[in-house]
N, C-alpha and C. Protein backbone atom coordinates (compact mmCIF):
# COMPACT_ATOMS: atom_id res chain seq x y z
N MET A 1 0.86 -1.15 0.00
CA MET A 1 -0.06 0.10 -0.05
C MET A 1 1.07 1.33 -0.05
N LYS A 2 0.46 2.31 -0.78
CA LYS A 2 1.17 3.42 -0.79
C LYS A 2 0.92 4.31 0.53
N THR A 3 2.06 4.94 0.97
CA THR A 3 1.88 5.86 2.01
C THR A 3 2.30 7.35 1.54
N LEU A 4 1.61 8.20 1.94
CA LEU A 4 1.74 9.66 1.50
C LEU A 4 1.91 10.39 2.69
N ILE A 5 2.96 11.35 2.80
CA ILE A 5 2.94 12.20 3.88
C ILE A 5 2.12 13.27 3.69
N LEU A 6 1.22 13.66 4.68
CA LEU A 6 0.18 14.63 4.59
C LEU A 6 0.65 15.99 4.89
N ASP A 7 0.66 16.96 4.15
CA ASP A 7 0.91 18.26 4.30
C ASP A 7 -0.09 19.02 5.17
N THR A 8 0.28 20.05 6.03
CA THR A 8 -0.61 20.73 6.92
C THR A 8 -1.83 21.27 5.90
N ASN A 9 -1.39 22.01 4.81
CA ASN A 9 -2.55 22.55 3.95
C ASN A 9 -3.42 21.65 3.49
N VAL A 10 -3.24 20.40 3.43
CA VAL A 10 -4.40 19.56 2.85
C VAL A 10 -5.39 19.44 3.97
N ILE A 11 -4.88 19.27 5.25
CA ILE A 11 -5.83 19.17 6.41
C ILE A 11 -6.57 20.48 6.46
N LEU A 12 -5.88 21.67 6.47
CA LEU A 12 -6.60 22.89 6.50
C LEU A 12 -7.59 23.27 5.49
N ARG A 13 -7.33 22.78 4.29
CA ARG A 13 -8.33 23.00 3.18
C ARG A 13 -9.49 22.16 3.55
N TYR A 14 -9.47 21.08 4.05
CA TYR A 14 -10.62 20.30 4.48
C TYR A 14 -11.29 20.98 5.50
N LEU A 15 -10.63 21.19 6.60
CA LEU A 15 -11.31 21.82 7.89
C LEU A 15 -11.91 23.12 7.43
N ALA A 16 -11.11 24.11 6.82
CA ALA A 16 -11.82 25.53 6.53
C ALA A 16 -12.86 25.54 5.39
N ASN A 17 -12.85 24.48 4.39
CA ASN A 17 -13.67 24.24 3.37
C ASN A 17 -13.79 25.76 2.61
N ASP A 18 -12.65 26.33 2.58
CA ASP A 18 -12.68 27.71 2.03
C ASP A 18 -12.64 27.68 0.42
N VAL A 19 -12.02 26.60 0.01
CA VAL A 19 -12.08 26.25 -1.49
C VAL A 19 -12.82 24.91 -1.58
N PRO A 20 -14.05 24.90 -1.95
CA PRO A 20 -14.95 23.82 -1.82
C PRO A 20 -14.46 22.67 -2.81
N LYS A 21 -13.86 22.75 -3.83
CA LYS A 21 -13.31 21.78 -4.67
C LYS A 21 -12.18 21.04 -4.01
N LYS A 22 -11.29 21.94 -3.54
CA LYS A 22 -10.10 21.25 -2.73
C LYS A 22 -10.74 20.56 -1.47
N ALA A 23 -11.54 21.18 -0.87
CA ALA A 23 -12.14 20.36 0.21
C ALA A 23 -12.67 19.12 0.01
N ASP A 24 -13.41 19.10 -1.20
CA ASP A 24 -13.95 17.75 -1.69
C ASP A 24 -12.83 16.84 -1.96
N ASP A 25 -11.72 17.19 -2.80
CA ASP A 25 -10.69 16.39 -2.94
C ASP A 25 -10.01 15.89 -1.82
N CYS A 26 -9.89 16.59 -0.83
CA CYS A 26 -9.32 16.25 0.54
C CYS A 26 -10.14 15.16 1.10
N GLU A 27 -11.39 15.33 1.09
CA GLU A 27 -12.34 14.36 1.67
C GLU A 27 -12.13 13.09 0.87
N LYS A 28 -12.20 13.13 -0.29
CA LYS A 28 -12.06 11.83 -1.02
C LYS A 28 -10.73 11.21 -0.74
N LEU A 29 -9.54 11.96 -0.54
CA LEU A 29 -8.38 11.36 -0.20
C LEU A 29 -8.48 10.59 1.26
N PHE A 30 -9.21 11.34 2.10
CA PHE A 30 -9.36 10.75 3.50
C PHE A 30 -10.31 9.51 3.40
N ARG A 31 -11.17 9.46 2.75
CA ARG A 31 -12.19 8.33 2.56
C ARG A 31 -11.21 7.25 2.01
N ASP A 32 -10.38 7.44 0.85
CA ASP A 32 -9.58 6.35 0.53
C ASP A 32 -8.55 5.89 1.62
N ALA A 33 -8.12 6.71 2.56
CA ALA A 33 -7.33 6.37 3.57
C ALA A 33 -8.23 5.47 4.44
N GLY A 34 -9.32 5.73 4.78
CA GLY A 34 -10.22 5.09 5.49
C GLY A 34 -10.57 3.66 4.94
N SER A 35 -10.57 3.57 3.79
CA SER A 35 -10.83 2.29 3.11
C SER A 35 -9.72 1.43 2.87
N GLY A 36 -8.53 1.80 3.14
CA GLY A 36 -7.25 1.08 3.09
C GLY A 36 -6.58 1.35 1.80
N ARG A 37 -6.98 2.12 0.98
CA ARG A 37 -6.42 2.36 -0.43
C ARG A 37 -5.13 3.16 -0.29
N VAL A 38 -4.85 3.80 0.80
CA VAL A 38 -3.71 4.65 0.81
C VAL A 38 -3.57 4.75 2.37
N ARG A 39 -2.24 5.11 2.83
CA ARG A 39 -1.93 5.33 4.22
C ARG A 39 -1.44 6.99 4.20
N LEU A 40 -2.08 7.70 5.17
CA LEU A 40 -1.56 9.08 5.20
C LEU A 40 -0.78 9.06 6.53
N PHE A 41 0.39 9.56 6.32
CA PHE A 41 1.34 9.92 7.66
C PHE A 41 1.34 11.28 7.90
N VAL A 42 0.96 11.58 9.12
CA VAL A 42 0.89 12.99 9.71
C VAL A 42 2.15 13.19 10.71
N SER A 43 2.90 14.11 10.39
CA SER A 43 4.07 14.19 11.35
C SER A 43 3.82 15.29 12.53
N ASP A 44 4.65 15.08 13.41
CA ASP A 44 4.32 15.81 14.76
C ASP A 44 4.48 17.27 14.31
N ILE A 45 5.21 17.77 13.41
CA ILE A 45 5.46 19.13 12.95
C ILE A 45 4.11 19.53 12.11
N CYS A 46 3.52 18.59 11.54
CA CYS A 46 2.32 19.05 10.96
C CYS A 46 1.23 19.49 11.91
N ILE A 47 1.09 18.53 12.94
CA ILE A 47 0.19 18.75 14.02
C ILE A 47 0.47 20.15 14.67
N ALA A 48 1.75 20.42 14.95
CA ALA A 48 2.12 21.74 15.61
C ALA A 48 1.75 22.89 14.68
N GLU A 49 1.92 22.89 13.45
CA GLU A 49 1.49 23.72 12.47
C GLU A 49 0.14 23.97 12.35
N LEU A 50 -0.69 22.81 12.32
CA LEU A 50 -2.16 22.94 12.42
C LEU A 50 -2.50 23.69 13.72
N VAL A 51 -2.21 23.33 14.86
CA VAL A 51 -2.47 24.05 16.11
C VAL A 51 -2.25 25.55 15.92
N TRP A 52 -1.16 25.88 15.52
CA TRP A 52 -0.63 27.17 15.45
C TRP A 52 -1.56 28.02 14.49
N THR A 53 -1.87 27.41 13.36
CA THR A 53 -2.63 28.01 12.32
C THR A 53 -4.17 28.11 12.73
N LEU A 54 -4.72 27.27 13.36
CA LEU A 54 -6.14 27.20 13.73
C LEU A 54 -6.30 28.33 14.82
N LYS A 55 -5.16 28.51 15.63
CA LYS A 55 -5.23 29.52 16.88
C LYS A 55 -4.96 30.90 16.27
N SER A 56 -3.88 31.10 15.46
CA SER A 56 -3.45 32.40 15.10
C SER A 56 -4.27 32.97 13.89
N TYR A 57 -4.40 32.21 12.96
CA TYR A 57 -5.18 32.56 11.68
C TYR A 57 -6.80 32.50 11.73
N PHE A 58 -7.13 31.45 12.19
CA PHE A 58 -8.63 31.04 12.16
C PHE A 58 -9.28 31.56 13.63
N HIS A 59 -8.46 31.86 14.63
CA HIS A 59 -8.81 32.36 15.98
C HIS A 59 -9.75 31.47 16.75
N LEU A 60 -9.30 30.11 16.62
CA LEU A 60 -10.24 29.09 17.38
C LEU A 60 -9.68 29.11 18.80
N ASP A 61 -10.53 28.65 19.75
CA ASP A 61 -9.93 28.55 21.14
C ASP A 61 -9.41 27.04 21.25
N ASN A 62 -8.74 26.73 22.51
CA ASN A 62 -8.09 25.46 22.51
C ASN A 62 -9.12 24.41 22.69
N ASP A 63 -10.16 24.57 22.99
CA ASP A 63 -11.25 23.39 23.09
C ASP A 63 -11.57 23.07 21.68
N ASP A 64 -11.89 24.12 20.95
CA ASP A 64 -12.25 23.71 19.43
C ASP A 64 -11.03 23.27 18.77
N ILE A 65 -9.87 23.75 19.09
CA ILE A 65 -8.81 23.04 18.29
C ILE A 65 -8.59 21.55 18.81
N TYR A 66 -8.72 21.46 20.03
CA TYR A 66 -8.54 19.98 20.61
C TYR A 66 -9.47 19.18 19.74
N GLU A 67 -10.85 19.53 19.81
CA GLU A 67 -11.73 18.81 19.04
C GLU A 67 -11.44 18.39 17.61
N LYS A 68 -10.98 19.38 16.95
CA LYS A 68 -10.52 19.11 15.50
C LYS A 68 -9.36 18.21 15.38
N ILE A 69 -8.24 18.58 16.01
CA ILE A 69 -7.07 17.76 15.94
C ILE A 69 -7.44 16.33 16.54
N THR A 70 -8.16 16.06 17.49
CA THR A 70 -8.25 14.75 17.94
C THR A 70 -9.19 13.90 17.00
N SER A 71 -10.03 14.70 16.44
CA SER A 71 -10.79 13.96 15.26
C SER A 71 -9.91 13.62 14.08
N ILE A 72 -8.84 14.31 13.89
CA ILE A 72 -7.98 13.91 12.82
C ILE A 72 -7.11 12.75 13.31
N ILE A 73 -6.73 12.93 14.45
CA ILE A 73 -5.87 11.89 14.99
C ILE A 73 -6.63 10.43 14.97
N ASN A 74 -8.07 10.46 15.13
CA ASN A 74 -8.65 9.24 15.20
C ASN A 74 -9.31 8.77 13.75
N THR A 75 -8.91 9.65 12.75
CA THR A 75 -9.37 9.20 11.42
C THR A 75 -8.61 8.04 10.94
N PRO A 76 -9.58 7.00 10.60
CA PRO A 76 -8.96 5.64 10.02
C PRO A 76 -8.16 6.05 8.88
N GLY A 77 -6.91 5.38 8.84
CA GLY A 77 -6.02 5.53 7.59
C GLY A 77 -4.85 6.59 7.98
N PHE A 78 -5.10 7.28 8.83
CA PHE A 78 -4.14 8.28 9.23
C PHE A 78 -3.00 7.67 10.28
N HIS A 79 -1.76 7.81 9.99
CA HIS A 79 -0.83 7.25 10.89
C HIS A 79 0.25 8.43 11.37
N PHE A 80 0.70 8.25 12.51
CA PHE A 80 1.40 9.24 13.31
C PHE A 80 2.86 8.59 13.97
N SER A 81 3.71 9.11 14.05
CA SER A 81 5.06 8.69 14.51
C SER A 81 4.83 8.17 16.09
N ASP A 82 4.04 9.02 16.80
CA ASP A 82 3.69 8.59 18.28
C ASP A 82 2.30 9.14 18.49
N GLN A 83 1.30 8.40 18.18
CA GLN A 83 -0.08 8.78 18.41
C GLN A 83 -0.34 9.10 19.81
N ALA A 84 0.03 8.19 20.78
CA ALA A 84 -0.19 8.47 22.09
C ALA A 84 0.40 9.78 22.70
N LEU A 85 1.58 10.01 22.33
CA LEU A 85 2.31 11.33 22.67
C LEU A 85 1.62 12.60 22.35
N VAL A 86 1.12 12.48 20.89
CA VAL A 86 0.48 13.68 20.29
C VAL A 86 -1.05 13.87 21.09
N LEU A 87 -1.85 12.78 21.40
CA LEU A 87 -2.90 12.75 21.95
C LEU A 87 -2.83 13.40 23.44
N ASP A 88 -1.74 13.04 24.12
CA ASP A 88 -1.49 13.53 25.55
C ASP A 88 -1.21 14.93 25.43
N ALA A 89 -0.32 15.28 24.39
CA ALA A 89 -0.01 16.77 24.35
C ALA A 89 -1.26 17.64 23.99
N MET A 90 -2.15 17.16 23.29
CA MET A 90 -3.40 17.89 23.00
C MET A 90 -4.34 18.01 24.23
N ARG A 91 -4.28 17.00 25.11
CA ARG A 91 -5.04 16.98 26.33
C ARG A 91 -4.43 18.09 27.26
N ARG A 92 -3.10 18.15 27.34
CA ARG A 92 -2.49 19.10 28.05
C ARG A 92 -2.76 20.51 27.47
N PHE A 93 -2.64 20.65 26.20
CA PHE A 93 -2.84 21.89 25.53
C PHE A 93 -4.23 22.31 25.76
N LYS A 94 -5.26 21.56 25.88
CA LYS A 94 -6.64 21.86 26.21
C LYS A 94 -6.86 22.19 27.66
N ASP A 95 -6.42 21.39 28.52
CA ASP A 95 -6.69 21.23 30.11
C ASP A 95 -5.90 22.46 30.42
N LYS A 96 -4.70 22.63 30.25
CA LYS A 96 -3.72 23.71 30.99
C LYS A 96 -3.80 24.95 30.15
N ASN A 97 -4.36 25.07 29.15
CA ASN A 97 -4.18 26.29 28.22
C ASN A 97 -2.76 26.76 28.15
N VAL A 98 -1.95 26.07 27.57
CA VAL A 98 -0.59 26.27 27.22
C VAL A 98 -0.41 26.19 25.77
N ASP A 99 0.78 26.69 25.12
CA ASP A 99 1.16 26.44 23.80
C ASP A 99 1.31 25.02 23.54
N PHE A 100 1.03 24.57 22.31
CA PHE A 100 1.16 23.09 21.94
C PHE A 100 2.59 22.66 22.15
N ALA A 101 3.41 23.44 21.88
CA ALA A 101 4.88 22.98 21.84
C ALA A 101 5.31 22.78 23.30
N ASP A 102 4.62 23.55 24.29
CA ASP A 102 5.03 23.32 25.68
C ASP A 102 4.34 22.07 26.12
N ALA A 103 3.09 21.97 25.66
CA ALA A 103 2.25 20.73 26.06
C ALA A 103 3.05 19.54 25.44
N TYR A 104 3.64 19.40 24.32
CA TYR A 104 4.24 18.39 23.59
C TYR A 104 5.54 18.04 24.33
N THR A 105 6.31 19.04 24.83
CA THR A 105 7.52 18.92 25.67
C THR A 105 7.07 18.24 26.86
N ALA A 106 6.08 18.73 27.60
CA ALA A 106 5.69 18.33 28.91
C ALA A 106 5.21 16.74 28.71
N SER A 107 4.60 16.39 27.65
CA SER A 107 4.18 15.10 27.54
C SER A 107 5.46 13.99 27.24
N LEU A 108 6.26 14.75 26.57
CA LEU A 108 7.54 13.85 26.30
C LEU A 108 8.47 13.79 27.65
N ALA A 109 8.43 14.68 28.39
CA ALA A 109 9.29 14.67 29.58
C ALA A 109 8.47 13.83 30.71
N ALA A 110 7.48 13.81 30.67
CA ALA A 110 6.54 13.00 31.61
C ALA A 110 6.79 11.63 31.19
N ARG A 111 6.59 11.27 30.01
CA ARG A 111 6.70 9.91 29.55
C ARG A 111 8.11 9.34 29.66
N GLU A 112 9.21 10.23 29.50
CA GLU A 112 10.69 9.83 29.56
C GLU A 112 11.15 9.94 30.89
N GLY A 113 10.39 10.53 31.90
CA GLY A 113 11.12 10.76 33.24
C GLY A 113 11.98 11.64 33.17
N MET A 114 12.01 12.76 32.22
CA MET A 114 13.07 13.68 32.20
C MET A 114 12.60 15.09 32.92
N LYS A 115 13.58 15.99 33.15
CA LYS A 115 13.25 17.36 33.67
C LYS A 115 13.36 18.16 32.35
N ILE A 116 12.83 19.35 32.45
CA ILE A 116 12.85 20.30 31.42
C ILE A 116 13.74 21.46 31.73
N SER A 117 14.58 21.78 30.97
CA SER A 117 15.36 23.06 31.09
C SER A 117 14.59 24.18 30.44
N SER A 118 14.23 25.08 31.20
CA SER A 118 13.40 26.14 30.63
C SER A 118 13.24 27.28 31.66
N TYR A 119 12.90 28.33 31.18
CA TYR A 119 12.52 29.66 31.97
C TYR A 119 10.86 29.66 31.99
N ASP A 120 10.26 28.89 31.21
CA ASP A 120 8.85 29.14 30.88
C ASP A 120 7.96 28.68 32.13
N ARG A 121 7.28 29.57 32.78
CA ARG A 121 6.42 29.11 34.02
C ARG A 121 5.42 28.33 33.72
N ASP A 122 4.81 27.97 32.56
CA ASP A 122 3.70 27.14 32.11
C ASP A 122 3.93 25.86 32.52
N TYR A 123 5.33 25.40 32.67
CA TYR A 123 5.34 23.94 32.96
C TYR A 123 5.03 23.67 34.44
N ARG A 124 4.89 24.67 35.33
CA ARG A 124 4.46 24.60 36.76
C ARG A 124 2.98 24.12 36.67
N LYS A 125 2.33 24.17 35.54
CA LYS A 125 0.83 23.76 35.65
C LYS A 125 0.85 22.25 35.49
N PHE A 126 1.92 21.61 35.25
CA PHE A 126 1.83 20.06 35.18
C PHE A 126 2.46 19.41 36.47
N SER A 127 1.69 18.74 37.14
CA SER A 127 2.10 18.03 38.48
C SER A 127 3.20 16.87 38.10
N ASP A 128 3.14 16.36 36.83
CA ASP A 128 3.98 15.33 36.54
C ASP A 128 5.33 15.69 35.88
N VAL A 129 5.69 16.96 35.64
CA VAL A 129 6.95 17.35 35.10
C VAL A 129 7.59 18.44 36.00
N THR A 130 8.97 18.47 35.81
CA THR A 130 9.64 19.39 36.60
C THR A 130 10.69 20.23 35.63
N ALA A 131 10.34 21.64 35.62
CA ALA A 131 11.30 22.38 34.94
C ALA A 131 12.25 23.00 35.80
N ILE A 132 13.46 23.10 35.23
CA ILE A 132 14.63 23.74 36.02
C ILE A 132 15.17 24.80 35.10
N GLU A 133 15.72 25.84 35.79
CA GLU A 133 16.39 26.88 34.83
C GLU A 133 17.68 26.58 34.78
N PRO A 134 18.40 26.88 33.55
CA PRO A 134 19.73 26.89 33.31
C PRO A 134 20.62 27.69 34.38
N PRO A 135 21.64 27.15 34.96
CA PRO A 135 22.41 26.03 34.38
C PRO A 135 22.19 24.78 35.30
N GLU A 136 21.15 24.90 35.99
CA GLU A 136 20.70 23.57 36.83
C GLU A 136 20.52 22.34 35.97
N PHE A 137 21.14 21.06 36.50
CA PHE A 137 20.87 20.04 35.84
C PHE A 137 20.86 18.81 36.79
N GLU A 138 20.84 19.03 38.07
CA GLU A 138 20.69 17.78 39.06
C GLU A 138 19.48 17.69 39.58
């Protein structure tokens, strides 16, 4: 089976439906993925770009973004390098109202049992991660 890396703009054209012909073409591709005719790989960078665009350009709130991204993640035929990590990051993004990049880093740190070197105070919102300021490392 052929695998395609899905670019952010394909998902955005579908979600925005601002160019109906393109949205229809995207929907057909997604149906083909759901029926097993093609695999669609979505990178973590694509998810980050989607979150950023939905927030900054389309002005959606975190709850709406969470709903849209999790529906994408759960679409049959879509594949991810680490689906569980992205889902956890999306939950943190929504629940703690932080940037997606911080939520993703917190998810990774929690899973790997690592501390985060950062000046960002948003990490204090997570009870399962520890952020330390440079040059601390112990």
